[in-house]
Amino acid sequence: MNNINLFPTDVSRRAFLGQTGLGTMGLASLLNPALMAADRPEIDKWPGVLKQLHHKPKIKRVIHLCMAGGASHLETLDYKPKLREMHGKPMPKSVTEGQPIAQLQGKRNNLTCLGPQHDF
C-alpha cells in the first residue's frame, strides 16, 4: 500500500513549520543566547579607551560623507568665523576669478557666501 497519498501534497515544509510555530522555535535554538539582549556590566556601556567622558559632548549631529576630494568645513566641524560674517554677501573675486563656475551662478549672476546653519 502506498501511504504517500494519505498526506496533502500542497503543504511545503516551510509552510508547515511556519503554521505550527516550530520554525520560530528552530530559529531560536540556532541563535547564540549570548548574543541576545541582556544586562551588561557598566564597563561595556562605553566601549572605548576612556571609561567615561571628561565633558558633556557638544556635537548634536554628525554626517560622515565619503567622497572624492576634501570635505568642506561643514563636514569637518571646522568653525570659520569669517564665513559667518560674510553670510549672504557676494563671494570675493579672489575666490571666483579664473574659475569655471559659470554653471553655479544661476540667474542672479553672482555667488553668495553661505555660513554655518547651526551654532558651534
PDB file of N, CA and C in Angstrom:
ATOM      1  N   MET A   1       0.835  -1.181   0.000  1.00  0.00           N
ATOM      2  CA  MET A   1       0.000   0.000   0.000  1.00  0.00           C
ATOM      3  C   MET A   1       0.884   1.250   0.000  1.00  0.00           C
ATOM      4  N   ASN A   2       0.520   2.238  -0.784  1.00  0.00           N
ATOM      5  CA  ASN A   2       1.284   3.469  -0.912  1.00  0.00           C
ATOM      6  C   ASN A   2       0.683   4.513   0.029  1.00  0.00           C
ATOM      7  N   ASN A   3       1.399   4.861   1.113  1.00  0.00           N
ATOM      8  CA  ASN A   3       0.889   5.800   2.115  1.00  0.00           C
ATOM      9  C   ASN A   3       1.141   7.256   1.742  1.00  0.00           C
ATOM     10  N   ILE A   4       1.866   7.515   0.692  1.00  0.00           N
ATOM     11  CA  ILE A   4       2.190   8.899   0.333  1.00  0.00           C
ATOM     12  C   ILE A   4       0.955   9.681  -0.086  1.00  0.00           C
ATOM     13  N   ASN A   5      -0.063   9.039  -0.564  1.00  0.00           N
ATOM     14  CA  ASN A   5      -1.277   9.731  -0.988  1.00  0.00           C
ATOM     15  C   ASN A   5      -2.172  10.110   0.179  1.00  0.00           C
ATOM     16  N   LEU A   6      -1.875   9.654   1.379  1.00  0.00           N
ATOM     17  CA  LEU A   6      -2.684   9.988   2.540  1.00  0.00           C
ATOM     18  C   LEU A   6      -2.414  11.406   3.045  1.00  0.00           C
ATOM     19  N   PHE A   7      -1.263  11.979   2.696  1.00  0.00           N
ATOM     20  CA  PHE A   7      -0.898  13.309   3.169  1.00  0.00           C
ATOM     21  C   PHE A   7      -1.140  14.339   2.067  1.00  0.00           C
ATOM     22  N   PRO A   8      -1.591  15.528   2.438  1.00  0.00           N
ATOM     23  CA  PRO A   8      -1.784  16.559   1.405  1.00  0.00           C
ATOM     24  C   PRO A   8      -0.433  16.964   0.814  1.00  0.00           C
ATOM     25  N   THR A   9      -0.386  17.137  -0.473  1.00  0.00           N
ATOM     26  CA  THR A   9       0.872  17.455  -1.150  1.00  0.00           C
ATOM     27  C   THR A   9       1.068  18.947  -1.375  1.00  0.00           C
ATOM     28  N   ASP A  10       0.063  19.769  -1.103  1.00  0.00           N
ATOM     29  CA  ASP A  10       0.198  21.199  -1.358  1.00  0.00           C
ATOM     30  C   ASP A  10       0.811  21.952  -0.177  1.00  0.00           C
ATOM     31  N   VAL A  11       1.167  21.263   0.892  1.00  0.00           N
ATOM     32  CA  VAL A  11       1.790  21.913   2.043  1.00  0.00           C
ATOM     33  C   VAL A  11       3.294  21.651   1.982  1.00  0.00           C
ATOM     34  N   SER A  12       4.044  22.727   1.889  1.00  0.00           N
ATOM     35  CA  SER A  12       5.501  22.575   1.863  1.00  0.00           C
ATOM     36  C   SER A  12       6.039  22.513   3.296  1.00  0.00           C
ATOM     37  N   ARG A  13       7.272  22.130   3.409  1.00  0.00           N
ATOM     38  CA  ARG A  13       7.894  22.063   4.727  1.00  0.00           C
ATOM     39  C   ARG A  13       7.945  23.446   5.365  1.00  0.00           C
ATOM     40  N   ARG A  14       8.234  24.468   4.572  1.00  0.00           N
ATOM     41  CA  ARG A  14       8.289  25.836   5.080  1.00  0.00           C
ATOM     42  C   ARG A  14       6.926  26.289   5.591  1.00  0.00           C
ATOM     43  N   ALA A  15       5.868  25.984   4.832  1.00  0.00           N
ATOM     44  CA  ALA A  15       4.524  26.366   5.259  1.00  0.00           C
ATOM     45  C   ALA A  15       4.128  25.615   6.524  1.00  0.00           C
ATOM     46  N   PHE A  16       4.461  24.333   6.591  1.00  0.00           N
ATOM     47  CA  PHE A  16       4.123  23.536   7.772  1.00  0.00           C
ATOM     48  C   PHE A  16       4.803  24.087   9.022  1.00  0.00           C
ATOM     49  N   LEU A  17       6.098  24.351   8.925  1.00  0.00           N
ATOM     50  CA  LEU A  17       6.825  24.867  10.083  1.00  0.00           C
ATOM     51  C   LEU A  17       6.350  26.262  10.469  1.00  0.00           C
ATOM     52  N   GLY A  18       6.026  27.072   9.472  1.00  0.00           N
ATOM     53  CA  GLY A  18       5.542  28.415   9.762  1.00  0.00           C
ATOM     54  C   GLY A  18       4.184  28.411  10.427  1.00  0.00           C
ATOM     55  N   GLN A  19       3.309  27.504  10.025  1.00  0.00           N
ATOM     56  CA  GLN A  19       1.961  27.445  10.584  1.00  0.00           C
ATOM     57  C   GLN A  19       1.943  26.827  11.973  1.00  0.00           C
ATOM     58  N   THR A  20       2.849  25.955  12.254  1.00  0.00           N
ATOM     59  CA  THR A  20       2.835  25.286  13.552  1.00  0.00           C
ATOM     60  C   THR A  20       3.702  25.981  14.591  1.00  0.00           C
ATOM     61  N   GLY A  21       4.474  26.954  14.198  1.00  0.00           N
ATOM     62  CA  GLY A  21       5.320  27.655  15.156  1.00  0.00           C
ATOM     63  C   GLY A  21       6.635  26.955  15.414  1.00  0.00           C
ATOM     64  N   LEU A  22       6.845  25.815  14.803  1.00  0.00           N
ATOM     65  CA  LEU A  22       8.101  25.101  15.005  1.00  0.00           C
ATOM     66  C   LEU A  22       9.272  25.826  14.351  1.00  0.00           C
ATOM     67  N   GLY A  23       8.979  26.590  13.311  1.00  0.00           N
ATOM     68  CA  GLY A  23      10.044  27.345  12.653  1.00  0.00           C
ATOM     69  C   GLY A  23      10.653  28.369  13.583  1.00  0.00           C
ATOM     70  N   THR A  24       9.826  29.034  14.372  1.00  0.00           N
ATOM     71  CA  THR A  24      10.325  30.022  15.318  1.00  0.00           C
ATOM     72  C   THR A  24      11.166  29.357  16.393  1.00  0.00           C
ATOM     73  N   MET A  25      10.691  28.226  16.867  1.00  0.00           N
ATOM     74  CA  MET A  25      11.453  27.510  17.894  1.00  0.00           C
ATOM     75  C   MET A  25      12.783  27.012  17.339  1.00  0.00           C
ATOM     76  N   GLY A  26      12.779  26.559  16.102  1.00  0.00           N
ATOM     77  CA  GLY A  26      14.017  26.097  15.493  1.00  0.00           C
ATOM     78  C   GLY A  26      15.004  27.229  15.292  1.00  0.00           C
ATOM     79  N   LEU A  27      14.500  28.385  14.875  1.00  0.00           N
ATOM     80  CA  LEU A  27      15.373  29.539  14.690  1.00  0.00           C
ATOM     81  C   LEU A  27      15.947  29.993  16.021  1.00  0.00           C
ATOM     82  N   ALA A  28      15.127  30.002  17.050  1.00  0.00           N
ATOM     83  CA  ALA A  28      15.602  30.418  18.367  1.00  0.00           C
ATOM     84  C   ALA A  28      16.673  29.480  18.896  1.00  0.00           C
ATOM     85  N   SER A  29      16.572  28.206  18.567  1.00  0.00           N
ATOM     86  CA  SER A  29      17.579  27.265  19.049  1.00  0.00           C
ATOM     87  C   SER A  29      18.910  27.444  18.323  1.00  0.00           C
ATOM     88  N   LEU A  30      18.880  28.021  17.114  1.00  0.00           N
ATOM     89  CA  LEU A  30      20.117  28.248  16.373  1.00  0.00           C
ATOM     90  C   LEU A  30      20.862  29.487  16.839  1.00  0.00           C
ATOM     91  N   LEU A  31      20.139  30.430  17.425  1.00  0.00           N
ATOM     92  CA  LEU A  31      20.768  31.670  17.861  1.00  0.00           C
ATOM     93  C   LEU A  31      21.607  31.446  19.108  1.00  0.00           C
ATOM     94  N   ASN A  32      22.663  32.177  19.209  1.00  0.00           N
ATOM     95  CA  ASN A  32      23.530  32.098  20.374  1.00  0.00           C
ATOM     96  C   ASN A  32      22.891  32.887  21.507  1.00  0.00           C
ATOM     97  N   PRO A  33      22.596  32.278  22.640  1.00  0.00           N
ATOM     98  CA  PRO A  33      21.964  33.013  23.741  1.00  0.00           C
ATOM     99  C   PRO A  33      22.821  34.171  24.239  1.00  0.00           C
ATOM    100  N   ALA A  34      24.132  34.099  24.040  1.00  0.00           N
ATOM    101  CA  ALA A  34      24.999  35.186  24.492  1.00  0.00           C
ATOM    102  C   ALA A  34      24.807  36.445  23.655  1.00  0.00           C
ATOM    103  N   LEU A  35      24.259  36.300  22.434  1.00  0.00           N
ATOM    104  CA  LEU A  35      24.057  37.462  21.573  1.00  0.00           C
ATOM    105  C   LEU A  35      22.739  38.166  21.841  1.00  0.00           C
ATOM    106  N   MET A  36      21.860  37.552  22.592  1.00  0.00           N
ATOM    107  CA  MET A  36      20.562  38.162  22.861  1.00  0.00           C
ATOM    108  C   MET A  36      20.726  39.288  23.867  1.00  0.00           C
ATOM    109  N   ALA A  37      19.779  40.229  23.860  1.00  0.00           N
ATOM    110  CA  ALA A  37      19.855  41.387  24.741  1.00  0.00           C
ATOM    111  C   ALA A  37      19.788  40.936  26.192  1.00  0.00           C
ATOM    112  N   ALA A  38      20.710  41.426  26.964  1.00  0.00           N
ATOM    113  CA  ALA A  38      20.741  41.112  28.389  1.00  0.00           C
ATOM    114  C   ALA A  38      21.456  42.249  29.097  1.00  0.00           C
ATOM    115  N   ASP A  39      21.345  42.269  30.400  1.00  0.00           N
ATOM    116  CA  ASP A  39      22.045  43.283  31.170  1.00  0.00           C
ATOM    117  C   ASP A  39      23.539  43.047  31.054  1.00  0.00           C
ATOM    118  N   ARG A  40      24.250  44.116  30.785  1.00  0.00           N
ATOM    119  CA  ARG A  40      25.698  44.018  30.656  1.00  0.00           C
ATOM    120  C   ARG A  40      26.334  44.818  31.782  1.00  0.00           C
ATOM    121  N   PRO A  41      27.551  44.511  32.085  1.00  0.00           N
ATOM    122  CA  PRO A  41      28.229  45.293  33.125  1.00  0.00           C
ATOM    123  C   PRO A  41      28.375  46.754  32.702  1.00  0.00           C
ATOM    124  N   GLU A  42      28.571  47.597  33.675  1.00  0.00           N
ATOM    125  CA  GLU A  42      28.694  49.038  33.437  1.00  0.00           C
ATOM    126  C   GLU A  42      29.871  49.362  32.525  1.00  0.00           C
ATOM    127  N   ILE A  43      30.909  48.566  32.535  1.00  0.00           N
ATOM    128  CA  ILE A  43      32.105  48.828  31.727  1.00  0.00           C
ATOM    129  C   ILE A  43      31.778  48.759  30.241  1.00  0.00           C
ATOM    130  N   ASP A  44      30.901  47.859  29.841  1.00  0.00           N
ATOM    131  CA  ASP A  44      30.597  47.678  28.425  1.00  0.00           C
ATOM    132  C   ASP A  44      29.697  48.763  27.847  1.00  0.00           C
ATOM    133  N   LYS A  45      29.129  49.629  28.672  1.00  0.00           N
ATOM    134  CA  LYS A  45      28.214  50.643  28.147  1.00  0.00           C
ATOM    135  C   LYS A  45      28.948  51.722  27.364  1.00  0.00           C
ATOM    136  N   TRP A  46      30.216  51.942  27.639  1.00  0.00           N
ATOM    137  CA  TRP A  46      31.008  52.925  26.894  1.00  0.00           C
ATOM    138  C   TRP A  46      32.234  52.210  26.354  1.00  0.00           C
ATOM    139  N   PRO A  47      32.141  51.607  25.148  1.00  0.00           N
ATOM    140  CA  PRO A  47      33.271  50.841  24.633  1.00  0.00           C
ATOM    141  C   PRO A  47      34.314  51.761  24.016  1.00  0.00           C
ATOM    142  N   GLY A  48      35.291  52.134  24.756  1.00  0.00           N
ATOM    143  CA  GLY A  48      36.334  52.990  24.235  1.00  0.00           C
ATOM    144  C   GLY A  48      37.547  52.940  25.138  1.00  0.00           C
ATOM    145  N   VAL A  49      38.539  53.746  24.800  1.00  0.00           N
ATOM    146  CA  VAL A  49      39.744  53.783  25.608  1.00  0.00           C
ATOM    147  C   VAL A  49      39.432  54.414  26.959  1.00  0.00           C
ATOM    148  N   LEU A  50      38.656  55.506  26.914  1.00  0.00           N
ATOM    149  CA  LEU A  50      38.255  56.158  28.153  1.00  0.00           C
ATOM    150  C   LEU A  50      37.035  55.451  28.719  1.00  0.00           C
ATOM    151  N   LYS A  51      37.004  55.271  30.001  1.00  0.00           N
ATOM    152  CA  LYS A  51      35.844  54.627  30.613  1.00  0.00           C
ATOM    153  C   LYS A  51      34.687  55.607  30.766  1.00  0.00           C
ATOM    154  N   GLN A  52      34.985  56.892  30.892  1.00  0.00           N
ATOM    155  CA  GLN A  52      33.952  57.921  30.974  1.00  0.00           C
ATOM    156  C   GLN A  52      34.432  59.143  30.204  1.00  0.00           C
ATOM    157  N   LEU A  53      33.491  59.969  29.777  1.00  0.00           N
ATOM    158  CA  LEU A  53      33.852  61.213  29.110  1.00  0.00           C
ATOM    159  C   LEU A  53      34.203  62.265  30.155  1.00  0.00           C
ATOM    160  N   HIS A  54      35.161  63.125  29.820  1.00  0.00           N
ATOM    161  CA  HIS A  54      35.550  64.188  30.735  1.00  0.00           C
ATOM    162  C   HIS A  54      34.523  65.313  30.753  1.00  0.00           C
ATOM    163  N   HIS A  55      33.950  65.599  29.577  1.00  0.00           N
ATOM    164  CA  HIS A  55      32.989  66.686  29.450  1.00  0.00           C
ATOM    165  C   HIS A  55      31.764  66.181  28.707  1.00  0.00           C
ATOM    166  N   LYS A  56      30.672  66.882  28.866  1.00  0.00           N
ATOM    167  CA  LYS A  56      29.458  66.542  28.133  1.00  0.00           C
ATOM    168  C   LYS A  56      29.681  66.850  26.646  1.00  0.00           C
ATOM    169  N   PRO A  57      29.339  65.944  25.731  1.00  0.00           N
ATOM    170  CA  PRO A  57      29.540  66.201  24.298  1.00  0.00           C
ATOM    171  C   PRO A  57      28.725  67.402  23.827  1.00  0.00           C
ATOM    172  N   LYS A  58      29.336  68.237  22.960  1.00  0.00           N
ATOM    173  CA  LYS A  58      28.659  69.420  22.435  1.00  0.00           C
ATOM    174  C   LYS A  58      28.039  69.169  21.068  1.00  0.00           C
ATOM    175  N   ILE A  59      28.566  68.226  20.343  1.00  0.00           N
ATOM    176  CA  ILE A  59      28.084  67.968  18.987  1.00  0.00           C
ATOM    177  C   ILE A  59      26.760  67.234  19.049  1.00  0.00           C
ATOM    178  N   LYS A  60      25.789  67.733  18.281  1.00  0.00           N
ATOM    179  CA  LYS A  60      24.466  67.112  18.265  1.00  0.00           C
ATOM    180  C   LYS A  60      24.237  66.292  17.008  1.00  0.00           C
ATOM    181  N   ARG A  61      24.878  66.670  15.907  1.00  0.00           N
ATOM    182  CA  ARG A  61      24.663  65.975  14.640  1.00  0.00           C
ATOM    183  C   ARG A  61      26.002  65.773  13.947  1.00  0.00           C
ATOM    184  N   VAL A  62      26.193  64.613  13.357  1.00  0.00           N
ATOM    185  CA  VAL A  62      27.384  64.340  12.561  1.00  0.00           C
ATOM    186  C   VAL A  62      26.950  63.586  11.320  1.00  0.00           C
ATOM    187  N   ILE A  63      27.357  64.080  10.164  1.00  0.00           N
ATOM    188  CA  ILE A  63      27.103  63.397   8.899  1.00  0.00           C
ATOM    189  C   ILE A  63      28.462  63.079   8.301  1.00  0.00           C
ATOM    190  N   HIS A  64      28.720  61.820   8.077  1.00  0.00           N
ATOM    191  CA  HIS A  64      30.001  61.404   7.511  1.00  0.00           C
ATOM    192  C   HIS A  64      29.819  61.187   6.016  1.00  0.00           C
ATOM    193  N   LEU A  65      30.584  61.901   5.211  1.00  0.00           N
ATOM    194  CA  LEU A  65      30.499  61.792   3.761  1.00  0.00           C
ATOM    195  C   LEU A  65      31.762  61.141   3.221  1.00  0.00           C
ATOM    196  N   CYS A  66      31.594  60.138   2.389  1.00  0.00           N
ATOM    197  CA  CYS A  66      32.721  59.512   1.698  1.00  0.00           C
ATOM    198  C   CYS A  66      32.688  59.992   0.255  1.00  0.00           C
ATOM    199  N   MET A  67      33.626  60.853  -0.116  1.00  0.00           N
ATOM    200  CA  MET A  67      33.600  61.431  -1.455  1.00  0.00           C
ATOM    201  C   MET A  67      35.025  61.737  -1.900  1.00  0.00           C
ATOM    202  N   ALA A  68      35.163  61.926  -3.186  1.00  0.00           N
ATOM    203  CA  ALA A  68      36.458  62.292  -3.738  1.00  0.00           C
ATOM    204  C   ALA A  68      36.750  63.747  -3.383  1.00  0.00           C
ATOM    205  N   GLY A  69      37.974  64.041  -3.086  1.00  0.00           N
ATOM    206  CA  GLY A  69      38.335  65.402  -2.725  1.00  0.00           C
ATOM    207  C   GLY A  69      38.188  65.632  -1.233  1.00  0.00           C
ATOM    208  N   GLY A  70      38.441  66.829  -0.830  1.00  0.00           N
ATOM    209  CA  GLY A  70      38.369  67.154   0.587  1.00  0.00           C
ATOM    210  C   GLY A  70      36.970  67.535   1.020  1.00  0.00           C
ATOM    211  N   ALA A  71      36.691  67.283   2.260  1.00  0.00           N
ATOM    212  CA  ALA A  71      35.394  67.665   2.827  1.00  0.00           C
ATOM    213  C   ALA A  71      35.419  69.152   3.174  1.00  0.00           C
ATOM    214  N   SER A  72      34.268  69.785   3.153  1.00  0.00           N
ATOM    215  CA  SER A  72      34.197  71.212   3.466  1.00  0.00           C
ATOM    216  C   SER A  72      34.253  71.419   4.974  1.00  0.00           C
ATOM    217  N   HIS A  73      34.287  72.674   5.381  1.00  0.00           N
ATOM    218  CA  HIS A  73      34.347  72.992   6.803  1.00  0.00           C
ATOM    219  C   HIS A  73      33.089  72.540   7.535  1.00  0.00           C
ATOM    220  N   LEU A  74      31.979  72.414   6.807  1.00  0.00           N
ATOM    221  CA  LEU A  74      30.743  71.972   7.454  1.00  0.00           C
ATOM    222  C   LEU A  74      30.823  70.505   7.858  1.00  0.00           C
ATOM    223  N   GLU A  75      31.497  69.688   7.058  1.00  0.00           N
ATOM    224  CA  GLU A  75      31.598  68.274   7.369  1.00  0.00           C
ATOM    225  C   GLU A  75      32.719  67.973   8.352  1.00  0.00           C
ATOM    226  N   THR A  76      33.730  68.817   8.405  1.00  0.00           N
ATOM    227  CA  THR A  76      34.849  68.553   9.305  1.00  0.00           C
ATOM    228  C   THR A  76      34.691  69.253  10.643  1.00  0.00           C
ATOM    229  N   LEU A  77      33.590  69.931  10.859  1.00  0.00           N
ATOM    230  CA  LEU A  77      33.318  70.643  12.107  1.00  0.00           C
ATOM    231  C   LEU A  77      34.386  71.686  12.398  1.00  0.00           C
ATOM    232  N   ASP A  78      34.929  72.283  11.336  1.00  0.00           N
ATOM    233  CA  ASP A  78      35.947  73.319  11.460  1.00  0.00           C
ATOM    234  C   ASP A  78      35.239  74.668  11.385  1.00  0.00           C
ATOM    235  N   TYR A  79      35.196  75.377  12.494  1.00  0.00           N
ATOM    236  CA  TYR A  79      34.460  76.637  12.561  1.00  0.00           C
ATOM    237  C   TYR A  79      35.190  77.731  11.790  1.00  0.00           C
ATOM    238  N   LYS A  80      34.466  78.429  10.937  1.00  0.00           N
ATOM    239  CA  LYS A  80      35.013  79.531  10.144  1.00  0.00           C
ATOM    240  C   LYS A  80      34.251  80.808  10.510  1.00  0.00           C
ATOM    241  N   PRO A  81      34.758  81.603  11.455  1.00  0.00           N
ATOM    242  CA  PRO A  81      34.037  82.811  11.860  1.00  0.00           C
ATOM    243  C   PRO A  81      33.921  83.839  10.735  1.00  0.00           C
ATOM    244  N   LYS A  82      34.915  83.905   9.849  1.00  0.00           N
ATOM    245  CA  LYS A  82      34.865  84.859   8.734  1.00  0.00           C
ATOM    246  C   LYS A  82      33.712  84.518   7.793  1.00  0.00           C
ATOM    247  N   LEU A  83      33.448  83.238   7.604  1.00  0.00           N
ATOM    248  CA  LEU A  83      32.354  82.819   6.736  1.00  0.00           C
ATOM    249  C   LEU A  83      31.012  83.220   7.336  1.00  0.00           C
ATOM    250  N   ARG A  84      30.891  83.187   8.658  1.00  0.00           N
ATOM    251  CA  ARG A  84      29.658  83.646   9.295  1.00  0.00           C
ATOM    252  C   ARG A  84      29.465  85.145   9.067  1.00  0.00           C
ATOM    253  N   GLU A  85      30.557  85.898   9.096  1.00  0.00           N
ATOM    254  CA  GLU A  85      30.474  87.344   8.844  1.00  0.00           C
ATOM    255  C   GLU A  85      30.056  87.633   7.403  1.00  0.00           C
ATOM    256  N   MET A  86      30.511  86.808   6.461  1.00  0.00           N
ATOM    257  CA  MET A  86      30.238  87.047   5.039  1.00  0.00           C
ATOM    258  C   MET A  86      28.949  86.385   4.563  1.00  0.00           C
ATOM    259  N   HIS A  87      28.183  85.778   5.446  1.00  0.00           N
ATOM    260  CA  HIS A  87      26.959  85.076   5.063  1.00  0.00           C
ATOM    261  C   HIS A  87      26.009  86.019   4.307  1.00  0.00           C
ATOM    262  N   GLY A  88      25.607  85.615   3.107  1.00  0.00           N
ATOM    263  CA  GLY A  88      24.678  86.396   2.293  1.00  0.00           C
ATOM    264  C   GLY A  88      25.347  87.422   1.394  1.00  0.00           C
ATOM    265  N   LYS A  89      26.626  87.685   1.589  1.00  0.00           N
ATOM    266  CA  LYS A  89      27.346  88.652   0.763  1.00  0.00           C
ATOM    267  C   LYS A  89      27.903  87.949  -0.467  1.00  0.00           C
ATOM    268  N   PRO A  90      28.178  88.717  -1.542  1.00  0.00           N
ATOM    269  CA  PRO A  90      28.760  88.101  -2.746  1.00  0.00           C
ATOM    270  C   PRO A  90      30.135  87.511  -2.457  1.00  0.00           C
ATOM    271  N   MET A  91      30.458  86.430  -3.156  1.00  0.00           N
ATOM    272  CA  MET A  91      31.750  85.779  -2.983  1.00  0.00           C
ATOM    273  C   MET A  91      32.844  86.699  -3.520  1.00  0.00           C
ATOM    274  N   PRO A  92      33.980  86.792  -2.831  1.00  0.00           N
ATOM    275  CA  PRO A  92      35.051  87.684  -3.274  1.00  0.00           C
ATOM    276  C   PRO A  92      35.618  87.265  -4.629  1.00  0.00           C
ATOM    277  N   LYS A  93      36.095  88.246  -5.379  1.00  0.00           N
ATOM    278  CA  LYS A  93      36.686  87.992  -6.701  1.00  0.00           C
ATOM    279  C   LYS A  93      37.935  87.119  -6.589  1.00  0.00           C
ATOM    280  N   SER A  94      38.636  87.199  -5.459  1.00  0.00           N
ATOM    281  CA  SER A  94      39.847  86.392  -5.300  1.00  0.00           C
ATOM    282  C   SER A  94      39.527  84.895  -5.297  1.00  0.00           C
ATOM    283  N   VAL A  95      38.316  84.539  -4.973  1.00  0.00           N
ATOM    284  CA  VAL A  95      37.913  83.132  -4.965  1.00  0.00           C
ATOM    285  C   VAL A  95      37.375  82.715  -6.328  1.00  0.00           C
ATOM    286  N   THR A  96      36.610  83.590  -6.969  1.00  0.00           N
ATOM    287  CA  THR A  96      35.915  83.216  -8.204  1.00  0.00           C
ATOM    288  C   THR A  96      36.690  83.529  -9.474  1.00  0.00           C
ATOM    289  N   GLU A  97      37.681  84.398  -9.421  1.00  0.00           N
ATOM    290  CA  GLU A  97      38.375  84.832 -10.626  1.00  0.00           C
ATOM    291  C   GLU A  97      39.148  83.681 -11.270  1.00  0.00           C
ATOM    292  N   GLY A  98      38.890  83.459 -12.551  1.00  0.00           N
ATOM    293  CA  GLY A  98      39.580  82.427 -13.307  1.00  0.00           C
ATOM    294  C   GLY A  98      39.070  81.016 -13.067  1.00  0.00           C
ATOM    295  N   GLN A  99      37.994  80.860 -12.330  1.00  0.00           N
ATOM    296  CA  GLN A  99      37.453  79.534 -12.034  1.00  0.00           C
ATOM    297  C   GLN A  99      36.263  79.239 -12.944  1.00  0.00           C
ATOM    298  N   PRO A 100      36.121  78.006 -13.425  1.00  0.00           N
ATOM    299  CA  PRO A 100      34.985  77.645 -14.288  1.00  0.00           C
ATOM    300  C   PRO A 100      33.727  77.387 -13.458  1.00  0.00           C
ATOM    301  N   ILE A 101      33.141  78.466 -12.947  1.00  0.00           N
ATOM    302  CA  ILE A 101      31.967  78.311 -12.094  1.00  0.00           C
ATOM    303  C   ILE A 101      30.742  78.998 -12.676  1.00  0.00           C
ATOM    304  N   ALA A 102      30.719  79.171 -13.984  1.00  0.00           N
ATOM    305  CA  ALA A 102      29.574  79.841 -14.608  1.00  0.00           C
ATOM    306  C   ALA A 102      28.287  79.066 -14.375  1.00  0.00           C
ATOM    307  N   GLN A 103      28.363  77.731 -14.323  1.00  0.00           N
ATOM    308  CA  GLN A 103      27.155  76.935 -14.135  1.00  0.00           C
ATOM    309  C   GLN A 103      26.595  77.093 -12.720  1.00  0.00           C
ATOM    310  N   LEU A 104      27.395  77.556 -11.781  1.00  0.00           N
ATOM    311  CA  LEU A 104      26.920  77.729 -10.414  1.00  0.00           C
ATOM    312  C   LEU A 104      26.255  79.079 -10.184  1.00  0.00           C
ATOM    313  N   GLN A 105      26.474  80.027 -11.085  1.00  0.00           N
ATOM    314  CA  GLN A 105      25.996  81.381 -10.853  1.00  0.00           C
ATOM    315  C   GLN A 105      24.488  81.499 -10.967  1.00  0.00           C
ATOM    316  N   GLY A 106      23.881  80.733 -11.834  1.00  0.00           N
ATOM    317  CA  GLY A 106      22.429  80.773 -11.961  1.00  0.00           C
ATOM    318  C   GLY A 106      21.931  82.053 -12.595  1.00  0.00           C
ATOM    319  N   LYS A 107      20.682  82.392 -12.312  1.00  0.00           N
ATOM    320  CA  LYS A 107      20.044  83.561 -12.930  1.00  0.00           C
ATOM    321  C   LYS A 107      20.521  84.868 -12.318  1.00  0.00           C
ATOM    322  N   ARG A 108      20.920  84.822 -11.042  1.00  0.00           N
ATOM    323  CA  ARG A 108      21.311  86.074 -10.384  1.00  0.00           C
ATOM    324  C   ARG A 108      22.682  86.555 -10.828  1.00  0.00           C
ATOM    325  N   ASN A 109      23.447  85.662 -11.422  1.00  0.00           N
ATOM    326  CA  ASN A 109      24.768  86.003 -11.944  1.00  0.00           C
ATOM    327  C   ASN A 109      25.759  86.397 -10.851  1.00  0.00           C
ATOM    328  N   ASN A 110      25.523  85.949  -9.629  1.00  0.00           N
ATOM    329  CA  ASN A 110      26.510  86.162  -8.573  1.00  0.00           C
ATOM    330  C   ASN A 110      26.422  85.012  -7.575  1.00  0.00           C
ATOM    331  N   LEU A 111      27.540  84.706  -6.985  1.00  0.00           N
ATOM    332  CA  LEU A 111      27.592  83.663  -5.965  1.00  0.00           C
ATOM    333  C   LEU A 111      27.604  84.315  -4.595  1.00  0.00           C
ATOM    334  N   THR A 112      26.821  83.780  -3.684  1.00  0.00           N
ATOM    335  CA  THR A 112      26.793  84.327  -2.331  1.00  0.00           C
ATOM    336  C   THR A 112      27.408  83.326  -1.362  1.00  0.00           C
ATOM    337  N   CYS A 113      27.997  83.845  -0.318  1.00  0.00           N
ATOM    338  CA  CYS A 113      28.592  83.009   0.719  1.00  0.00           C
ATOM    339  C   CYS A 113      27.499  82.472   1.637  1.00  0.00           C
ATOM    340  N   LEU A 114      27.663  81.256   2.049  1.00  0.00           N
ATOM    341  CA  LEU A 114      26.731  80.633   2.986  1.00  0.00           C
ATOM    342  C   LEU A 114      27.489  80.246   4.243  1.00  0.00           C
ATOM    343  N   GLY A 115      27.075  80.810   5.347  1.00  0.00           N
ATOM    344  CA  GLY A 115      27.704  80.497   6.626  1.00  0.00           C
ATOM    345  C   GLY A 115      27.106  79.249   7.247  1.00  0.00           C
ATOM    346  N   PRO A 116      27.616  78.846   8.409  1.00  0.00           N
ATOM    347  CA  PRO A 116      27.085  77.661   9.078  1.00  0.00           C
ATOM    348  C   PRO A 116      25.626  77.849   9.475  1.00  0.00           C
ATOM    349  N   GLN A 117      24.858  76.780   9.386  1.00  0.00           N
ATOM    350  CA  GLN A 117      23.434  76.841   9.706  1.00  0.00           C
ATOM    351  C   GLN A 117      23.175  76.671  11.198  1.00  0.00           C
ATOM    352  N   HIS A 118      24.108  76.053  11.906  1.00  0.00           N
ATOM    353  CA  HIS A 118      23.923  75.786  13.326  1.00  0.00           C
ATOM    354  C   HIS A 118      25.053  76.425  14.117  1.00  0.00           C
ATOM    355  N   ASP A 119      24.793  76.716  15.362  1.00  0.00           N
ATOM    356  CA  ASP A 119      25.818  77.296  16.224  1.00  0.00           C
ATOM    357  C   ASP A 119      26.874  76.255  16.572  1.00  0.00           C
ATOM    358  N   PHE A 120      28.101  76.740  16.724  1.00  0.00           N
ATOM    359  CA  PHE A 120      29.185  75.854  17.144  1.00  0.00           C
ATOM    360  C   PHE A 120      29.399  76.030  18.624  1.00  0.00           C
TER     361      PHE A 120
END
